[in-house]
Amino acid sequence: MRIIDVADLAHGEASYEFEGHHYGDTGVSFIVVDAPPGSGPKLHRHPYEEVFVVQEGNATFTAGDDVFEASGGQVVVVPAGVPHRFVNSGDGPLRQVDIHASKRFITEWLED
């Protein structure tokens, strides 16, 4: 068993990243998101499924040709290979956990 403080993870301005292979070859990776309004990643895809657990706030997701709104208490599942992105479309912070079904982040960025 291991306990890791989120604050000790690699991080940017609005997220903390846990990449499984850094922690005993754990078979999953995740990103803890705490994003201000209007922010989110550019269009990208992964060769594995990604699961978004929206804890607080509102996000507009694009996955393939679909655009939809998700809010705190909802879970979004994007299949492997589907181009996707999200933006915090609310007035307050967006808090979610983005689970990658891989021990490493493998991301193909589709926008500059």
Protein backbone atom coordinates (compact mmCIF):
# COMPACT_ATOMS: atom_id res chain seq x y z
CA MET A 1 0.00 0.00 0.00
CA ARG A 2 1.14 3.54 -0.73
CA ILE A 3 -0.32 6.94 0.11
CA ILE A 4 0.56 9.84 -2.16
CA ASP A 5 -0.34 13.47 -1.54
CA VAL A 6 -1.91 15.00 -4.64
CA ALA A 7 0.27 18.08 -4.05
CA ASP A 8 3.36 15.88 -4.61
CA LEU A 9 2.29 14.85 -8.12
CA ALA A 10 3.60 16.46 -11.30
CA HIS A 11 1.38 19.45 -11.97
CA GLY A 12 0.52 22.41 -14.12
CA GLU A 13 -1.65 25.43 -13.40
CA ALA A 14 -4.93 23.52 -13.21
CA SER A 15 -4.10 19.83 -12.84
CA TYR A 16 -2.07 17.15 -11.07
CA GLU A 17 -0.91 14.03 -12.94
CA PHE A 18 -0.46 10.49 -11.63
CA GLU A 19 1.26 8.29 -14.20
CA GLY A 20 1.07 4.68 -13.04
CA HIS A 21 4.47 3.49 -14.22
CA HIS A 22 6.13 5.91 -11.77
CA TYR A 23 4.38 4.18 -8.85
CA GLY A 24 5.21 0.49 -8.98
CA ASP A 25 3.98 -0.12 -12.50
CA THR A 26 0.36 0.57 -11.56
CA GLY A 27 -1.84 -0.14 -14.60
CA VAL A 28 -3.76 3.13 -14.51
CA SER A 29 -2.99 6.85 -14.74
CA PHE A 30 -5.14 9.85 -13.86
CA ILE A 31 -5.31 13.62 -13.85
CA VAL A 32 -6.87 15.60 -11.00
CA VAL A 33 -8.38 18.71 -12.59
CA ASP A 34 -9.18 21.98 -10.82
CA ALA A 35 -9.72 24.30 -13.79
CA PRO A 36 -10.98 27.88 -13.99
CA PRO A 37 -13.83 28.88 -16.35
CA GLY A 38 -12.93 28.77 -20.04
CA SER A 39 -10.02 26.37 -19.67
CA GLY A 40 -9.51 22.82 -20.92
CA PRO A 41 -7.27 20.74 -23.17
CA LYS A 42 -7.11 20.97 -26.95
CA LEU A 43 -8.50 18.22 -29.18
CA HIS A 44 -6.61 14.94 -28.70
CA ARG A 45 -7.06 11.17 -28.57
CA HIS A 46 -5.66 8.11 -26.81
CA PRO A 47 -5.32 4.44 -27.84
CA TYR A 48 -7.25 3.53 -24.68
CA GLU A 49 -10.52 4.53 -23.01
CA GLU A 50 -10.66 7.68 -20.86
CA VAL A 51 -13.17 8.12 -18.04
CA PHE A 52 -13.99 11.57 -16.64
CA VAL A 53 -15.51 11.74 -13.15
CA VAL A 54 -16.98 15.25 -12.88
CA GLN A 55 -17.09 16.16 -9.22
CA GLU A 56 -18.03 19.84 -9.34
CA GLY A 57 -18.84 22.42 -11.99
CA ASN A 58 -19.88 22.18 -15.62
CA ALA A 59 -17.94 21.08 -18.68
CA THR A 60 -18.75 21.00 -22.35
CA PHE A 61 -17.29 17.85 -23.89
CA THR A 62 -16.64 17.19 -27.54
CA ALA A 63 -16.15 13.51 -28.43
CA GLY A 64 -16.08 12.75 -32.14
CA ASP A 65 -19.11 14.54 -33.64
CA ASP A 66 -20.95 14.74 -30.30
CA VAL A 67 -21.02 17.84 -28.09
CA PHE A 68 -22.65 17.58 -24.67
CA GLU A 69 -22.74 19.18 -21.24
CA ALA A 70 -21.71 17.30 -18.09
CA SER A 71 -21.93 18.50 -14.49
CA GLY A 72 -20.92 17.47 -11.00
CA GLY A 73 -22.06 13.94 -10.19
CA GLN A 74 -21.80 12.66 -13.77
CA VAL A 75 -19.31 10.33 -15.44
CA VAL A 76 -18.26 10.64 -19.09
CA VAL A 77 -16.67 7.70 -20.93
CA VAL A 78 -14.78 8.32 -24.18
CA PRO A 79 -13.86 5.19 -26.17
CA ALA A 80 -10.33 4.52 -27.34
CA GLY A 81 -9.30 6.41 -30.46
CA VAL A 82 -12.12 8.99 -30.36
CA PRO A 83 -10.90 12.61 -30.65
CA HIS A 84 -12.08 14.59 -27.64
CA ARG A 85 -11.70 17.72 -25.54
CA PHE A 86 -13.54 19.58 -22.81
CA VAL A 87 -13.83 23.13 -21.58
CA ASN A 88 -15.00 24.45 -18.24
CA SER A 89 -18.25 26.04 -19.41
CA GLY A 90 -19.41 27.08 -15.94
CA ASP A 91 -18.93 30.20 -13.85
CA GLY A 92 -16.86 28.48 -11.14
CA PRO A 93 -14.11 25.88 -10.91
CA LEU A 94 -14.33 22.55 -12.71
CA ARG A 95 -13.19 19.70 -10.50
CA GLN A 96 -12.90 16.27 -12.04
CA VAL A 97 -10.69 13.20 -12.20
CA ASP A 98 -9.68 11.99 -15.68
CA ILE A 99 -8.83 8.28 -15.57
CA HIS A 100 -6.59 6.84 -18.29
CA ALA A 101 -6.73 3.07 -18.76
CA SER A 102 -2.95 2.91 -19.17
CA LYS A 103 0.15 2.96 -16.98
CA ARG A 104 1.47 5.81 -19.20
CA PHE A 105 -0.19 8.82 -20.77
CA ILE A 106 -0.26 8.22 -24.53
CA THR A 107 -1.71 11.31 -26.20
CA GLU A 108 -1.91 12.34 -29.84
CA TRP A 109 -2.58 16.08 -29.99
CA LEU A 110 -4.77 17.00 -32.96
CA GLU A 111 -4.69 20.80 -32.57
CA ASP A 112 -1.83 23.23 -32.05
